[in-house]
Amino acid sequence: MKNKKCENCIEGKRCRDSHVSWIFFIIGLVATIAIRAVTVLMHLNPVYAKVAWYIGVGGFFLFFVYKFRVNQVRSDLIAQQELVDKVSSRQQLTEENYNLVSAILCALSSRKERINYFFIFGLSAIALLLAVYMDFLK
């Protein structure tokens, strides 16, 4: 499955970077940037800081509702197919079970998710440094 998009994936569009997943990826990035900009914007103009806060929190709300829904659907599929029990007891898996495992592994190796974490970690570090500078060193 190296360098291939989840062929025969039961989660179809999610695994192949659907337009919806890209929209929520962008919402997550915008929210990350906005919420990290609040501290800097407070020093420039409190109104801009409030706008950034609302954009950030609203964006995170939408992003995490979407992520919750995706994870809930996956969790329901795992429960319906009794996948945890089958794997734990080393039972033979069906073709549908293998497709589900493949889809889950594909989703876990998402580049978008890693990029999102990179932005969260990187922008958090920058925001922290800027906040320390503006609050204590300036």
N, C-alpha and C. Protein backbone atom coordinates (compact mmCIF):
# COMPACT_ATOMS: atom_id res chain seq x y z
N MET A 1 0.82 -1.18 0.00
CA MET A 1 0.00 0.00 0.00
C MET A 1 0.87 1.25 0.00
N LYS A 2 2.15 1.08 -0.11
CA LYS A 2 3.10 2.17 -0.10
C LYS A 2 2.82 3.13 -1.26
N ASN A 3 2.77 4.42 -0.95
CA ASN A 3 2.54 5.48 -1.94
C ASN A 3 1.24 5.34 -2.72
N LYS A 4 0.25 4.68 -2.20
CA LYS A 4 -1.04 4.55 -2.86
C LYS A 4 -2.09 5.18 -1.98
N LYS A 5 -3.10 5.70 -2.60
CA LYS A 5 -4.25 6.19 -1.85
C LYS A 5 -5.15 5.00 -1.56
N CYS A 6 -5.57 4.84 -0.39
CA CYS A 6 -6.40 3.76 0.10
C CYS A 6 -7.34 3.17 -0.96
N GLU A 7 -6.85 2.28 -1.74
CA GLU A 7 -7.69 1.62 -2.75
C GLU A 7 -8.70 0.72 -2.04
N ASN A 8 -9.89 0.68 -2.56
CA ASN A 8 -10.98 -0.11 -1.98
C ASN A 8 -11.29 0.28 -0.54
N CYS A 9 -11.05 1.52 -0.22
CA CYS A 9 -11.24 2.00 1.15
C CYS A 9 -12.73 2.19 1.42
N ILE A 10 -13.22 1.61 2.53
CA ILE A 10 -14.64 1.75 2.84
C ILE A 10 -14.97 3.15 3.30
N GLU A 11 -13.96 3.93 3.68
CA GLU A 11 -14.22 5.30 4.08
C GLU A 11 -14.06 6.25 2.91
N GLY A 12 -13.80 5.72 1.75
CA GLY A 12 -13.77 6.44 0.49
C GLY A 12 -13.19 7.83 0.54
N LYS A 13 -14.06 8.81 0.49
CA LYS A 13 -13.65 10.20 0.35
C LYS A 13 -12.75 10.68 1.48
N ARG A 14 -13.03 10.29 2.70
CA ARG A 14 -12.22 10.73 3.83
C ARG A 14 -10.77 10.31 3.65
N CYS A 15 -10.59 9.13 3.14
CA CYS A 15 -9.25 8.58 2.98
C CYS A 15 -8.52 9.23 1.81
N ARG A 16 -9.25 9.73 0.85
CA ARG A 16 -8.65 10.33 -0.33
C ARG A 16 -8.69 11.85 -0.28
N ASP A 17 -8.65 12.43 0.88
CA ASP A 17 -8.62 13.87 1.02
C ASP A 17 -9.77 14.55 0.28
N SER A 18 -10.97 14.32 0.73
CA SER A 18 -12.15 14.92 0.12
C SER A 18 -12.11 16.44 0.27
N HIS A 19 -12.97 17.09 -0.48
CA HIS A 19 -13.07 18.54 -0.40
C HIS A 19 -13.50 18.96 1.01
N VAL A 20 -14.39 18.21 1.60
CA VAL A 20 -14.85 18.53 2.96
C VAL A 20 -13.69 18.45 3.95
N SER A 21 -12.85 17.41 3.84
CA SER A 21 -11.73 17.31 4.77
C SER A 21 -10.75 18.46 4.57
N TRP A 22 -10.57 18.91 3.33
CA TRP A 22 -9.70 20.06 3.07
C TRP A 22 -10.30 21.34 3.65
N ILE A 23 -11.60 21.49 3.55
CA ILE A 23 -12.26 22.68 4.12
C ILE A 23 -12.04 22.72 5.63
N PHE A 24 -12.24 21.58 6.29
CA PHE A 24 -12.06 21.57 7.74
C PHE A 24 -10.59 21.66 8.14
N PHE A 25 -9.70 21.19 7.31
CA PHE A 25 -8.27 21.36 7.52
C PHE A 25 -7.94 22.86 7.51
N ILE A 26 -8.46 23.57 6.53
CA ILE A 26 -8.21 25.02 6.43
C ILE A 26 -8.86 25.76 7.60
N ILE A 27 -10.06 25.35 7.97
CA ILE A 27 -10.71 25.95 9.15
C ILE A 27 -9.83 25.77 10.38
N GLY A 28 -9.27 24.58 10.54
CA GLY A 28 -8.37 24.31 11.67
C GLY A 28 -7.13 25.18 11.64
N LEU A 29 -6.55 25.37 10.46
CA LEU A 29 -5.36 26.22 10.35
C LEU A 29 -5.69 27.68 10.65
N VAL A 30 -6.79 28.18 10.10
CA VAL A 30 -7.20 29.57 10.35
C VAL A 30 -7.47 29.77 11.84
N ALA A 31 -8.14 28.82 12.46
CA ALA A 31 -8.43 28.91 13.90
C ALA A 31 -7.13 28.92 14.70
N THR A 32 -6.19 28.08 14.30
CA THR A 32 -4.90 28.02 15.00
C THR A 32 -4.17 29.36 14.91
N ILE A 33 -4.13 29.92 13.72
CA ILE A 33 -3.47 31.20 13.53
C ILE A 33 -4.19 32.29 14.32
N ALA A 34 -5.50 32.33 14.22
CA ALA A 34 -6.28 33.37 14.88
C ALA A 34 -6.11 33.35 16.40
N ILE A 35 -6.20 32.18 16.98
CA ILE A 35 -6.15 32.10 18.44
C ILE A 35 -4.75 32.43 18.96
N ARG A 36 -3.72 32.09 18.15
CA ARG A 36 -2.35 32.42 18.55
C ARG A 36 -2.04 33.89 18.36
N ALA A 37 -2.79 34.57 17.50
CA ALA A 37 -2.57 35.99 17.23
C ALA A 37 -3.21 36.89 18.28
N VAL A 38 -4.07 36.36 19.10
CA VAL A 38 -4.81 37.17 20.07
C VAL A 38 -3.86 37.97 20.97
N THR A 39 -2.85 37.35 21.51
CA THR A 39 -1.94 38.03 22.44
C THR A 39 -1.24 39.20 21.77
N VAL A 40 -0.79 39.01 20.55
CA VAL A 40 -0.12 40.09 19.83
C VAL A 40 -1.12 41.20 19.50
N LEU A 41 -2.29 40.81 19.05
CA LEU A 41 -3.30 41.79 18.66
C LEU A 41 -3.81 42.60 19.85
N MET A 42 -3.78 42.03 21.05
CA MET A 42 -4.20 42.77 22.25
C MET A 42 -3.34 44.02 22.42
N HIS A 43 -2.06 43.92 22.05
CA HIS A 43 -1.16 45.05 22.18
C HIS A 43 -1.34 46.07 21.06
N LEU A 44 -1.91 45.63 19.95
CA LEU A 44 -2.12 46.53 18.81
C LEU A 44 -3.49 47.19 18.86
N ASN A 45 -4.52 46.36 19.02
CA ASN A 45 -5.90 46.87 19.05
C ASN A 45 -6.79 45.78 19.65
N PRO A 46 -7.39 46.06 20.80
CA PRO A 46 -8.23 45.06 21.47
C PRO A 46 -9.39 44.56 20.62
N VAL A 47 -9.91 45.37 19.73
CA VAL A 47 -11.01 44.93 18.87
C VAL A 47 -10.52 43.81 17.94
N TYR A 48 -9.33 43.99 17.37
CA TYR A 48 -8.76 42.95 16.51
C TYR A 48 -8.52 41.66 17.30
N ALA A 49 -8.11 41.82 18.55
CA ALA A 49 -7.88 40.65 19.40
C ALA A 49 -9.18 39.89 19.63
N LYS A 50 -10.26 40.62 19.88
CA LYS A 50 -11.56 39.97 20.09
C LYS A 50 -12.02 39.25 18.83
N VAL A 51 -11.85 39.90 17.68
CA VAL A 51 -12.24 39.28 16.41
C VAL A 51 -11.43 38.00 16.20
N ALA A 52 -10.13 38.07 16.45
CA ALA A 52 -9.28 36.88 16.29
C ALA A 52 -9.71 35.78 17.25
N TRP A 53 -10.07 36.15 18.48
CA TRP A 53 -10.50 35.15 19.46
C TRP A 53 -11.77 34.46 18.98
N TYR A 54 -12.75 35.23 18.51
CA TYR A 54 -14.00 34.63 18.02
C TYR A 54 -13.74 33.74 16.80
N ILE A 55 -12.91 34.18 15.90
CA ILE A 55 -12.58 33.37 14.72
C ILE A 55 -11.90 32.08 15.18
N GLY A 56 -10.95 32.20 16.10
CA GLY A 56 -10.22 31.03 16.58
C GLY A 56 -11.10 30.03 17.31
N VAL A 57 -11.87 30.51 18.26
CA VAL A 57 -12.73 29.61 19.04
C VAL A 57 -13.85 29.04 18.17
N GLY A 58 -14.45 29.87 17.31
CA GLY A 58 -15.49 29.38 16.41
C GLY A 58 -14.93 28.35 15.43
N GLY A 59 -13.74 28.63 14.91
CA GLY A 59 -13.10 27.69 13.99
C GLY A 59 -12.79 26.37 14.66
N PHE A 60 -12.25 26.45 15.89
CA PHE A 60 -11.97 25.21 16.62
C PHE A 60 -13.25 24.44 16.91
N PHE A 61 -14.32 25.16 17.24
CA PHE A 61 -15.59 24.50 17.48
C PHE A 61 -16.01 23.70 16.25
N LEU A 62 -16.00 24.33 15.08
CA LEU A 62 -16.38 23.64 13.84
C LEU A 62 -15.44 22.48 13.54
N PHE A 63 -14.14 22.73 13.67
CA PHE A 63 -13.15 21.71 13.36
C PHE A 63 -13.32 20.48 14.25
N PHE A 64 -13.49 20.70 15.54
CA PHE A 64 -13.58 19.56 16.45
C PHE A 64 -14.93 18.86 16.39
N VAL A 65 -16.00 19.57 16.02
CA VAL A 65 -17.27 18.89 15.76
C VAL A 65 -17.09 17.93 14.59
N TYR A 66 -16.43 18.40 13.53
CA TYR A 66 -16.16 17.55 12.35
C TYR A 66 -15.29 16.35 12.75
N LYS A 67 -14.19 16.59 13.49
CA LYS A 67 -13.31 15.49 13.89
C LYS A 67 -14.05 14.50 14.79
N PHE A 68 -14.89 15.00 15.69
CA PHE A 68 -15.67 14.13 16.56
C PHE A 68 -16.57 13.24 15.73
N ARG A 69 -17.24 13.83 14.74
CA ARG A 69 -18.16 13.07 13.89
C ARG A 69 -17.41 11.98 13.11
N VAL A 70 -16.28 12.32 12.54
CA VAL A 70 -15.48 11.34 11.80
C VAL A 70 -15.05 10.21 12.73
N ASN A 71 -14.56 10.56 13.91
CA ASN A 71 -14.12 9.53 14.87
C ASN A 71 -15.29 8.69 15.37
N GLN A 72 -16.45 9.30 15.55
CA GLN A 72 -17.63 8.57 16.00
C GLN A 72 -18.07 7.54 14.96
N VAL A 73 -18.07 7.94 13.69
CA VAL A 73 -18.43 7.01 12.61
C VAL A 73 -17.45 5.84 12.60
N ARG A 74 -16.15 6.14 12.71
CA ARG A 74 -15.14 5.07 12.75
C ARG A 74 -15.35 4.16 13.94
N SER A 75 -15.59 4.75 15.10
CA SER A 75 -15.80 3.97 16.31
C SER A 75 -17.02 3.07 16.19
N ASP A 76 -18.09 3.60 15.60
CA ASP A 76 -19.30 2.80 15.39
C ASP A 76 -19.03 1.62 14.46
N LEU A 77 -18.26 1.85 13.39
CA LEU A 77 -17.91 0.77 12.47
C LEU A 77 -17.08 -0.31 13.17
N ILE A 78 -16.14 0.11 13.99
CA ILE A 78 -15.30 -0.83 14.73
C ILE A 78 -16.17 -1.68 15.66
N ALA A 79 -17.11 -1.03 16.35
CA ALA A 79 -18.01 -1.76 17.26
C ALA A 79 -18.94 -2.69 16.49
N GLN A 80 -19.51 -2.22 15.38
CA GLN A 80 -20.43 -3.05 14.59
C GLN A 80 -19.73 -4.31 14.08
N GLN A 81 -18.50 -4.17 13.67
CA GLN A 81 -17.78 -5.32 13.12
C GLN A 81 -17.03 -6.11 14.21
N GLU A 82 -17.19 -5.68 15.46
CA GLU A 82 -16.53 -6.34 16.61
C GLU A 82 -15.04 -6.53 16.34
N LEU A 83 -14.44 -5.50 15.77
CA LEU A 83 -13.06 -5.58 15.33
C LEU A 83 -12.07 -5.73 16.48
N VAL A 84 -12.29 -5.02 17.56
CA VAL A 84 -11.37 -5.12 18.71
C VAL A 84 -11.37 -6.54 19.26
N ASP A 85 -12.55 -7.13 19.41
CA ASP A 85 -12.63 -8.50 19.92
C ASP A 85 -11.96 -9.49 18.96
N LYS A 86 -12.20 -9.31 17.68
CA LYS A 86 -11.62 -10.22 16.68
C LYS A 86 -10.10 -10.14 16.68
N VAL A 87 -9.57 -8.93 16.74
CA VAL A 87 -8.11 -8.78 16.73
C VAL A 87 -7.53 -9.30 18.04
N SER A 88 -8.18 -8.98 19.17
CA SER A 88 -7.69 -9.42 20.48
C SER A 88 -7.64 -10.94 20.59
N SER A 89 -8.65 -11.61 20.04
CA SER A 89 -8.69 -13.07 20.13
C SER A 89 -8.09 -13.75 18.90
N ARG A 90 -7.49 -12.93 18.02
CA ARG A 90 -6.82 -13.43 16.81
C ARG A 90 -7.74 -14.25 15.91
N GLN A 91 -8.99 -13.80 15.83
CA GLN A 91 -9.95 -14.45 14.94
C GLN A 91 -9.65 -14.06 13.49
N GLN A 92 -10.13 -14.89 12.59
CA GLN A 92 -9.99 -14.59 11.17
C GLN A 92 -10.81 -13.34 10.83
N LEU A 93 -10.21 -12.41 10.12
CA LEU A 93 -10.91 -11.20 9.72
C LEU A 93 -11.54 -11.37 8.35
N THR A 94 -12.68 -10.73 8.16
CA THR A 94 -13.35 -10.76 6.87
C THR A 94 -12.73 -9.71 5.95
N GLU A 95 -13.11 -9.73 4.71
CA GLU A 95 -12.63 -8.73 3.75
C GLU A 95 -13.05 -7.33 4.21
N GLU A 96 -14.27 -7.23 4.72
CA GLU A 96 -14.77 -5.94 5.22
C GLU A 96 -13.95 -5.47 6.42
N ASN A 97 -13.56 -6.41 7.30
CA ASN A 97 -12.71 -6.07 8.45
C ASN A 97 -11.37 -5.53 7.98
N TYR A 98 -10.77 -6.21 7.01
CA TYR A 98 -9.48 -5.76 6.48
C TYR A 98 -9.62 -4.37 5.84
N ASN A 99 -10.71 -4.13 5.13
CA ASN A 99 -10.93 -2.81 4.54
C ASN A 99 -11.03 -1.73 5.61
N LEU A 100 -11.72 -2.05 6.71
CA LEU A 100 -11.86 -1.10 7.80
C LEU A 100 -10.50 -0.81 8.44
N VAL A 101 -9.73 -1.85 8.71
CA VAL A 101 -8.40 -1.65 9.29
C VAL A 101 -7.54 -0.81 8.35
N SER A 102 -7.62 -1.09 7.08
CA SER A 102 -6.88 -0.32 6.08
C SER A 102 -7.29 1.14 6.09
N ALA A 103 -8.58 1.40 6.16
CA ALA A 103 -9.07 2.78 6.18
C ALA A 103 -8.61 3.52 7.43
N ILE A 104 -8.63 2.84 8.57
CA ILE A 104 -8.20 3.46 9.82
C ILE A 104 -6.72 3.79 9.76
N LEU A 105 -5.92 2.85 9.27
CA LEU A 105 -4.49 3.09 9.16
C LEU A 105 -4.19 4.22 8.18
N CYS A 106 -4.94 4.27 7.10
CA CYS A 106 -4.79 5.35 6.13
C CYS A 106 -5.09 6.69 6.78
N ALA A 107 -6.16 6.77 7.52
CA ALA A 107 -6.55 8.01 8.18
C ALA A 107 -5.51 8.44 9.21
N LEU A 108 -4.94 7.48 9.91
CA LEU A 108 -3.93 7.79 10.93
C LEU A 108 -2.63 8.32 10.32
N SER A 109 -2.41 8.04 9.06
CA SER A 109 -1.17 8.49 8.41
C SER A 109 -1.40 9.73 7.55
N SER A 110 -2.44 10.48 7.85
CA SER A 110 -2.81 11.68 7.09
C SER A 110 -1.75 12.76 7.20
N ARG A 111 -1.32 13.27 6.05
CA ARG A 111 -0.37 14.39 6.02
C ARG A 111 -1.02 15.66 6.54
N LYS A 112 -2.30 15.84 6.23
CA LYS A 112 -2.99 17.05 6.69
C LYS A 112 -2.96 17.13 8.22
N GLU A 113 -3.15 16.02 8.86
CA GLU A 113 -3.15 16.02 10.33
C GLU A 113 -1.77 16.40 10.88
N ARG A 114 -0.72 15.85 10.27
CA ARG A 114 0.65 16.20 10.71
C ARG A 114 0.94 17.68 10.46
N ILE A 115 0.50 18.21 9.31
CA ILE A 115 0.70 19.63 9.01
C ILE A 115 -0.05 20.47 10.04
N ASN A 116 -1.27 20.07 10.37
CA ASN A 116 -2.06 20.79 11.37
C ASN A 116 -1.32 20.82 12.71
N TYR A 117 -0.79 19.67 13.15
CA TYR A 117 -0.04 19.64 14.40
C TYR A 117 1.20 20.52 14.33
N PHE A 118 1.89 20.51 13.19
CA PHE A 118 3.07 21.35 13.02
C PHE A 118 2.70 22.82 13.21
N PHE A 119 1.60 23.25 12.59
CA PHE A 119 1.16 24.63 12.75
C PHE A 119 0.78 24.93 14.19
N ILE A 120 0.07 24.02 14.82
CA ILE A 120 -0.31 24.23 16.22
C ILE A 120 0.92 24.37 17.10
N PHE A 121 1.87 23.44 16.99
CA PHE A 121 3.07 23.49 17.82
C PHE A 121 3.92 24.72 17.49
N GLY A 122 4.17 24.95 16.20
CA GLY A 122 5.01 26.06 15.78
C GLY A 122 4.43 27.41 16.14
N LEU A 123 3.15 27.61 15.82
CA LEU A 123 2.53 28.89 16.13
C LEU A 123 2.35 29.09 17.63
N SER A 124 2.16 28.01 18.38
CA SER A 124 2.09 28.13 19.84
C SER A 124 3.42 28.60 20.40
N ALA A 125 4.51 28.06 19.90
CA ALA A 125 5.84 28.48 20.36
C ALA A 125 6.09 29.95 20.02
N ILE A 126 5.76 30.35 18.80
CA ILE A 126 5.94 31.75 18.39
C ILE A 126 5.07 32.66 19.24
N ALA A 127 3.81 32.28 19.45
CA ALA A 127 2.90 33.10 20.26
C ALA A 127 3.40 33.22 21.69
N LEU A 128 3.91 32.14 22.23
CA LEU A 128 4.44 32.17 23.59
C LEU A 128 5.63 33.11 23.69
N LEU A 129 6.54 33.01 22.74
CA LEU A 129 7.72 33.89 22.75
C LEU A 129 7.32 35.35 22.59
N LEU A 130 6.40 35.63 21.66
CA LEU A 130 5.94 37.01 21.48
C LEU A 130 5.22 37.53 22.71
N ALA A 131 4.42 36.69 23.34
CA ALA A 131 3.70 37.12 24.55
C ALA A 131 4.68 37.44 25.67
N VAL A 132 5.69 36.60 25.87
CA VAL A 132 6.70 36.86 26.90
C VAL A 132 7.43 38.16 26.60
N TYR A 133 7.80 38.34 25.33
CA TYR A 133 8.49 39.58 24.94
C TYR A 133 7.61 40.80 25.20
N MET A 134 6.36 40.75 24.74
CA MET A 134 5.48 41.92 24.88
C MET A 134 5.05 42.19 26.32
N ASP A 135 4.90 41.13 27.09
CA ASP A 135 4.44 41.32 28.48
C ASP A 135 5.56 41.62 29.46
N PHE A 136 6.76 41.08 29.21
CA PHE A 136 7.82 41.20 30.22
C PHE A 136 9.09 41.91 29.76
N LEU A 137 9.37 41.90 28.49
CA LEU A 137 10.64 42.44 28.03
C LEU A 137 10.53 43.77 27.32
N LYS A 138 9.37 44.10 26.83
CA LYS A 138 9.18 45.33 26.06
C LYS A 138 9.02 46.52 26.95
